[in-house]
Amino acid sequence: MSKQQLGEFLRSRRERLRPEDVGLPSGPRRRTPGLRREEVAVLAHISTEYYVRLEQGRAPWPSGDVLAGIAGALKLTDAESDHLHLLAGTAPIRTRTHRRDVRPSILALLERLPQTAGFVTSAVFEVLAWNDLAAALMEDFAEVSPRDRNLARRAFLGPAPAGTPLYGISDAAEFRLHVVMQLRATAARYPSDPEVTGLVEELRTGSPDFARLWERNDVQAAPTLRKTFRHPAVGEVTVDCDSLALTDRDQHLVLYSAPQGTPDAEALALLGVLGPGARV
């Protein structure tokens, strides 16, 4: 990773903190947001000069101990601390391309799930596998190209009309933020994967919203527990959301279900009967 990326991340985390967040007096009015660089340096037990050079991308690569001190000074979450170490090259980085092959056992599981829409996404949000209920609830992925199965690309670049959320979901803004955060972490894990870097560049160039969110340098979002789909055939369907990490292939199994006996469960059951063409 570049030292510039490391510096940008440090600066973004510093600027979000207030002096009182770290036990310092607020003092006179500040011209810039967040902590001062010298305050971070004191809290991290490093020299101000070295910390300034880190943010400017001019310092030698920091050690794990220095990074731990900075993470504590900036009150980073576990995810943010992991990302910091990845940027600095002190954590394992996957130099090969991300995997797109899905385990046969997961493919079989998708077909056995009762009244549950299930699909598998890659590290860059490409839908790799799905069951019929997921196709009925979202879209028939078999009818679109692998490029158009990428939910990150679909969320930011369409082809839905401007202002129309992907699949009519109720949490479109939260999903887009989640996409940006996950792609940032993916780009840190696969810095030499052209599909990863190419997708990020495509989104930064083609979507002002993505570019704005990317510049925030956030890397952790609250999990989505429920969401509502506005479906053209059955109306609104609210589902429970579960995302299970398939760590051996850096993929996720996403499950949408509804409690038995509820109108939402009945809507899912109807979609199961209508099949993948239910959106037409």
Protein backbone atom coordinates (compact mmCIF):
# COMPACT_ATOMS: atom_id res chain seq x y z
CA MET A 1 0.00 0.00 0.00
CA SER A 2 1.14 3.59 -0.54
CA LYS A 3 2.30 5.81 2.28
CA GLN A 4 -0.12 8.43 0.99
CA GLN A 5 -3.07 6.11 1.69
CA LEU A 6 -1.78 5.51 5.20
CA GLY A 7 -1.44 9.25 5.78
CA GLU A 8 -4.93 9.97 4.47
CA PHE A 9 -6.44 7.38 6.78
CA LEU A 10 -4.59 8.73 9.81
CA ARG A 11 -5.66 12.27 9.03
CA SER A 12 -9.31 11.29 8.59
CA ARG A 13 -9.34 9.47 11.96
CA ARG A 14 -7.59 12.38 13.71
CA GLU A 15 -9.99 14.98 12.35
CA ARG A 16 -13.07 13.19 13.66
CA LEU A 17 -11.92 13.35 17.30
CA ARG A 18 -12.49 16.19 19.75
CA PRO A 19 -10.00 16.97 22.55
CA GLU A 20 -12.54 15.95 25.19
CA ASP A 21 -12.85 12.51 23.49
CA VAL A 22 -9.30 11.73 24.64
CA GLY A 23 -9.34 13.54 27.97
CA LEU A 24 -7.80 16.82 26.81
CA PRO A 25 -9.22 20.29 27.49
CA SER A 26 -10.94 21.81 24.49
CA GLY A 27 -9.05 25.09 24.93
CA PRO A 28 -9.46 28.07 22.60
CA ARG A 29 -11.39 27.86 19.33
CA ARG A 30 -9.61 25.69 16.75
CA ARG A 31 -9.22 26.62 13.12
CA THR A 32 -9.29 22.99 11.93
CA PRO A 33 -11.43 20.03 13.04
CA GLY A 34 -10.19 17.29 15.30
CA LEU A 35 -7.07 16.82 17.35
CA ARG A 36 -3.81 18.53 16.57
CA ARG A 37 -0.98 16.37 15.26
CA GLU A 38 1.16 17.11 18.31
CA GLU A 39 -1.66 15.90 20.57
CA VAL A 40 -1.85 12.58 18.75
CA ALA A 41 1.92 12.23 18.96
CA VAL A 42 1.91 12.78 22.73
CA LEU A 43 -0.90 10.27 23.22
CA ALA A 44 0.86 7.72 21.01
CA HIS A 45 4.26 8.28 22.69
CA ILE A 46 6.03 9.19 19.48
CA SER A 47 7.63 12.41 18.26
CA THR A 48 5.48 15.07 16.66
CA GLU A 49 7.88 15.27 13.73
CA TYR A 50 7.52 11.57 13.01
CA TYR A 51 3.72 11.67 13.21
CA VAL A 52 3.56 14.71 10.92
CA ARG A 53 5.72 12.89 8.39
CA LEU A 54 3.46 9.83 8.63
CA GLU A 55 0.41 11.90 7.67
CA GLN A 56 2.41 13.50 4.86
CA GLY A 57 3.48 10.11 3.51
CA ARG A 58 7.19 10.87 4.07
CA ALA A 59 8.06 8.76 7.13
CA PRO A 60 9.61 5.28 7.22
CA TRP A 61 7.07 2.51 7.58
CA PRO A 62 5.99 2.35 11.26
CA SER A 63 6.45 -0.74 13.41
CA GLY A 64 3.60 -2.74 14.90
CA ASP A 65 4.22 -1.17 18.30
CA VAL A 66 4.04 2.35 16.89
CA LEU A 67 0.83 1.50 15.07
CA ALA A 68 -0.66 0.10 18.26
CA GLY A 69 0.15 3.35 20.04
CA ILE A 70 -1.41 5.41 17.26
CA ALA A 71 -4.50 3.20 17.19
CA GLY A 72 -4.96 3.75 20.90
CA ALA A 73 -4.42 7.50 20.60
CA LEU A 74 -6.98 7.77 17.82
CA LYS A 75 -9.43 5.46 19.59
CA LEU A 76 -9.69 3.17 16.58
CA THR A 77 -12.16 0.30 16.57
CA ASP A 78 -10.88 -3.23 16.00
CA ALA A 79 -11.80 -3.02 12.31
CA GLU A 80 -10.10 0.35 11.94
CA SER A 81 -6.99 -0.90 13.74
CA ASP A 82 -6.83 -3.94 11.46
CA HIS A 83 -7.15 -1.64 8.45
CA LEU A 84 -4.36 0.58 9.77
CA HIS A 85 -2.05 -2.43 10.07
CA LEU A 86 -2.97 -3.57 6.57
CA LEU A 87 -2.15 -0.15 5.15
CA ALA A 88 1.22 -0.21 6.91
CA GLY A 89 2.05 -3.72 5.75
CA THR A 90 2.23 -5.24 9.24
CA ALA A 91 -0.70 -7.63 8.68
CA PRO A 92 -1.07 -10.38 6.08
CA ILE A 93 -1.99 -9.07 2.63
CA ARG A 94 -3.43 -11.37 -0.01
CA THR A 95 -1.39 -10.69 -3.09
CA ARG A 96 -3.37 -12.99 -5.37
CA THR A 97 -6.78 -12.29 -6.88
CA HIS A 98 -9.94 -12.78 -4.83
CA ARG A 99 -11.75 -16.09 -5.25
CA ARG A 100 -14.97 -16.48 -7.22
CA ASP A 101 -15.49 -20.24 -6.97
CA VAL A 102 -18.12 -21.26 -4.40
CA ARG A 103 -17.80 -24.41 -2.32
CA PRO A 104 -20.10 -27.24 -3.57
CA SER A 105 -21.46 -27.68 -0.04
CA ILE A 106 -22.59 -24.03 -0.01
CA LEU A 107 -24.24 -24.46 -3.41
CA ALA A 108 -26.14 -27.47 -2.07
CA LEU A 109 -27.09 -25.60 1.08
CA LEU A 110 -28.64 -22.78 -0.93
CA GLU A 111 -31.05 -25.21 -2.55
CA ARG A 112 -32.02 -26.82 0.76
CA LEU A 113 -32.91 -23.61 2.62
CA PRO A 114 -36.65 -23.54 3.34
CA GLN A 115 -38.45 -20.26 2.55
CA THR A 116 -35.15 -18.36 2.71
CA ALA A 117 -33.65 -16.24 -0.05
CA GLY A 118 -29.94 -16.98 -0.13
CA PHE A 119 -27.02 -15.89 -2.25
CA VAL A 120 -23.20 -15.76 -2.10
CA THR A 121 -21.19 -12.63 -2.80
CA SER A 122 -17.50 -12.24 -3.58
CA ALA A 123 -15.13 -9.82 -1.89
CA VAL A 124 -16.22 -7.19 -4.46
CA PHE A 125 -20.00 -7.81 -4.15
CA GLU A 126 -20.43 -9.96 -7.25
CA VAL A 127 -23.33 -12.39 -6.77
CA LEU A 128 -21.68 -15.76 -7.39
CA ALA A 129 -24.49 -18.16 -6.50
CA TRP A 130 -28.15 -17.88 -5.52
CA ASN A 131 -31.32 -19.88 -5.03
CA ASP A 132 -34.65 -19.43 -6.79
CA LEU A 133 -36.19 -17.40 -3.97
CA ALA A 134 -33.32 -14.89 -4.07
CA ALA A 135 -33.84 -14.57 -7.83
CA ALA A 136 -37.58 -14.01 -7.29
CA LEU A 137 -37.04 -11.43 -4.53
CA MET A 138 -34.18 -9.50 -6.18
CA GLU A 139 -33.73 -10.41 -9.84
CA ASP A 140 -33.04 -13.41 -12.04
CA PHE A 141 -29.25 -13.28 -11.92
CA ALA A 142 -29.03 -16.01 -14.56
CA GLU A 143 -30.40 -13.49 -17.08
CA VAL A 144 -27.65 -10.91 -16.56
CA SER A 145 -23.91 -10.97 -17.17
CA PRO A 146 -21.43 -11.48 -14.31
CA ARG A 147 -20.50 -7.80 -14.63
CA ASP A 148 -24.12 -6.79 -14.03
CA ARG A 149 -24.39 -9.15 -11.04
CA ASN A 150 -22.08 -6.87 -9.09
CA LEU A 151 -24.20 -5.23 -6.38
CA ALA A 152 -21.65 -2.47 -5.77
CA ARG A 153 -21.76 -1.43 -9.42
CA ARG A 154 -25.57 -1.71 -9.48
CA ALA A 155 -25.97 0.34 -6.28
CA PHE A 156 -23.91 3.28 -7.55
CA LEU A 157 -24.08 3.15 -11.35
CA GLY A 158 -27.56 1.81 -12.12
CA PRO A 159 -29.18 0.94 -14.49
CA ALA A 160 -32.07 1.89 -12.19
CA PRO A 161 -33.34 5.47 -12.69
CA ALA A 162 -31.64 8.11 -10.57
CA GLY A 163 -33.05 8.18 -7.06
CA THR A 164 -34.50 4.68 -7.34
CA PRO A 165 -32.95 2.30 -4.77
CA LEU A 166 -31.61 -1.04 -5.92
CA TYR A 167 -34.43 -3.64 -5.69
CA GLY A 168 -36.52 -1.04 -3.88
CA ILE A 169 -34.67 -1.66 -0.61
CA SER A 170 -35.45 0.54 2.36
CA ASP A 171 -31.83 0.95 3.47
CA ALA A 172 -30.29 2.06 0.17
CA ALA A 173 -28.10 4.76 1.74
CA GLU A 174 -26.87 2.40 4.46
CA PHE A 175 -26.13 -0.30 1.87
CA ARG A 176 -24.08 2.09 -0.26
CA LEU A 177 -22.05 3.10 2.79
CA HIS A 178 -21.53 -0.58 3.65
CA VAL A 179 -20.33 -1.22 0.09
CA VAL A 180 -17.75 1.57 0.28
CA MET A 181 -16.41 0.39 3.63
CA GLN A 182 -16.13 -3.22 2.52
CA LEU A 183 -14.45 -2.30 -0.77
CA ARG A 184 -11.91 -0.19 1.11
CA ALA A 185 -11.01 -3.21 3.24
CA THR A 186 -10.97 -5.45 0.15
CA ALA A 187 -8.63 -3.07 -1.68
CA ALA A 188 -6.25 -3.26 1.29
CA ARG A 189 -6.31 -7.07 1.21
CA TYR A 190 -5.88 -7.37 -2.57
CA PRO A 191 -3.75 -4.38 -3.62
CA SER A 192 -2.60 -6.10 -6.83
CA ASP A 193 -5.94 -7.58 -7.96
CA PRO A 194 -6.93 -5.66 -11.12
CA GLU A 195 -10.61 -6.51 -10.67
CA VAL A 196 -10.60 -4.91 -7.23
CA THR A 197 -8.60 -1.81 -8.14
CA GLY A 198 -10.47 -1.46 -11.43
CA LEU A 199 -13.88 -1.58 -9.75
CA VAL A 200 -12.89 1.00 -7.15
CA GLU A 201 -11.55 3.33 -9.84
CA GLU A 202 -14.67 2.84 -11.97
CA LEU A 203 -16.92 3.73 -9.04
CA ARG A 204 -14.82 6.70 -7.94
CA THR A 205 -14.87 8.07 -11.48
CA GLY A 206 -18.49 7.29 -12.31
CA SER A 207 -20.26 8.06 -9.03
CA PRO A 208 -19.82 11.32 -7.10
CA ASP A 209 -21.65 9.68 -4.20
CA PHE A 210 -19.13 6.83 -4.08
CA ALA A 211 -16.21 9.26 -4.38
CA ARG A 212 -17.57 11.34 -1.50
CA LEU A 213 -18.03 8.32 0.75
CA TRP A 214 -14.64 6.91 -0.23
CA GLU A 215 -12.88 10.07 0.87
CA ARG A 216 -14.33 9.66 4.37
CA ASN A 217 -12.00 6.68 4.94
CA ASP A 218 -14.57 4.81 7.07
CA VAL A 219 -14.01 1.06 7.42
CA GLN A 220 -16.69 -0.18 9.81
CA ALA A 221 -20.48 -0.10 9.61
CA ALA A 222 -23.28 -1.32 11.84
CA PRO A 223 -24.72 -4.66 10.67
CA THR A 224 -28.04 -4.63 8.82
CA LEU A 225 -30.51 -6.75 10.77
CA ARG A 226 -33.69 -6.07 8.79
CA LYS A 227 -34.60 -4.51 5.48
CA THR A 228 -37.67 -4.01 3.34
CA PHE A 229 -37.91 -4.81 -0.36
CA ARG A 230 -40.56 -3.07 -2.46
CA HIS A 231 -41.43 -5.84 -4.89
CA PRO A 232 -43.50 -5.21 -8.04
CA ALA A 233 -45.48 -8.45 -7.67
CA VAL A 234 -46.11 -8.79 -3.91
CA GLY A 235 -45.52 -5.30 -2.54
CA GLU A 236 -43.38 -4.62 0.53
CA VAL A 237 -41.54 -7.59 2.08
CA THR A 238 -39.59 -7.05 5.30
CA VAL A 239 -36.94 -9.67 5.98
CA ASP A 240 -34.41 -10.55 8.64
CA CYS A 241 -30.86 -10.26 7.31
CA ASP A 242 -28.01 -12.60 8.15
CA SER A 243 -24.58 -12.44 6.52
CA LEU A 244 -22.22 -15.35 7.22
CA ALA A 245 -18.54 -14.99 6.40
CA LEU A 246 -17.02 -17.82 4.33
CA THR A 247 -13.52 -16.98 5.45
CA ASP A 248 -11.65 -19.61 3.43
CA ARG A 249 -12.69 -17.89 0.18
CA ASP A 250 -13.33 -14.35 1.42
CA GLN A 251 -17.00 -14.59 0.47
CA HIS A 252 -20.32 -14.04 2.25
CA LEU A 253 -23.48 -16.13 2.39
CA VAL A 254 -26.40 -13.70 2.70
CA LEU A 255 -29.76 -14.98 3.95
CA TYR A 256 -33.13 -13.20 3.91
CA SER A 257 -35.97 -14.79 5.87
CA ALA A 258 -39.16 -13.86 7.75
CA PRO A 259 -40.76 -15.26 10.93
CA GLN A 260 -43.29 -18.00 10.26
CA GLY A 261 -46.92 -16.95 10.22
CA THR A 262 -46.22 -13.32 9.32
CA PRO A 263 -47.44 -11.54 6.17
CA ASP A 264 -43.80 -11.24 5.13
CA ALA A 265 -43.34 -15.01 5.34
CA GLU A 266 -46.48 -15.43 3.24
CA ALA A 267 -45.10 -13.00 0.68
CA LEU A 268 -41.85 -14.97 0.49
CA ALA A 269 -43.84 -18.19 0.09
CA LEU A 270 -45.79 -16.61 -2.79
CA LEU A 271 -42.55 -15.52 -4.42
CA GLY A 272 -41.34 -19.09 -4.09
CA VAL A 273 -44.33 -20.19 -6.14
CA LEU A 274 -44.00 -17.39 -8.71
CA GLY A 275 -40.31 -18.12 -9.20
CA PRO A 276 -37.48 -16.01 -10.68
CA GLY A 277 -39.76 -14.35 -13.21
CA ALA A 278 -41.90 -12.80 -10.49
CA ARG A 279 -40.48 -9.32 -11.06
CA VAL A 280 -41.69 -9.16 -14.65
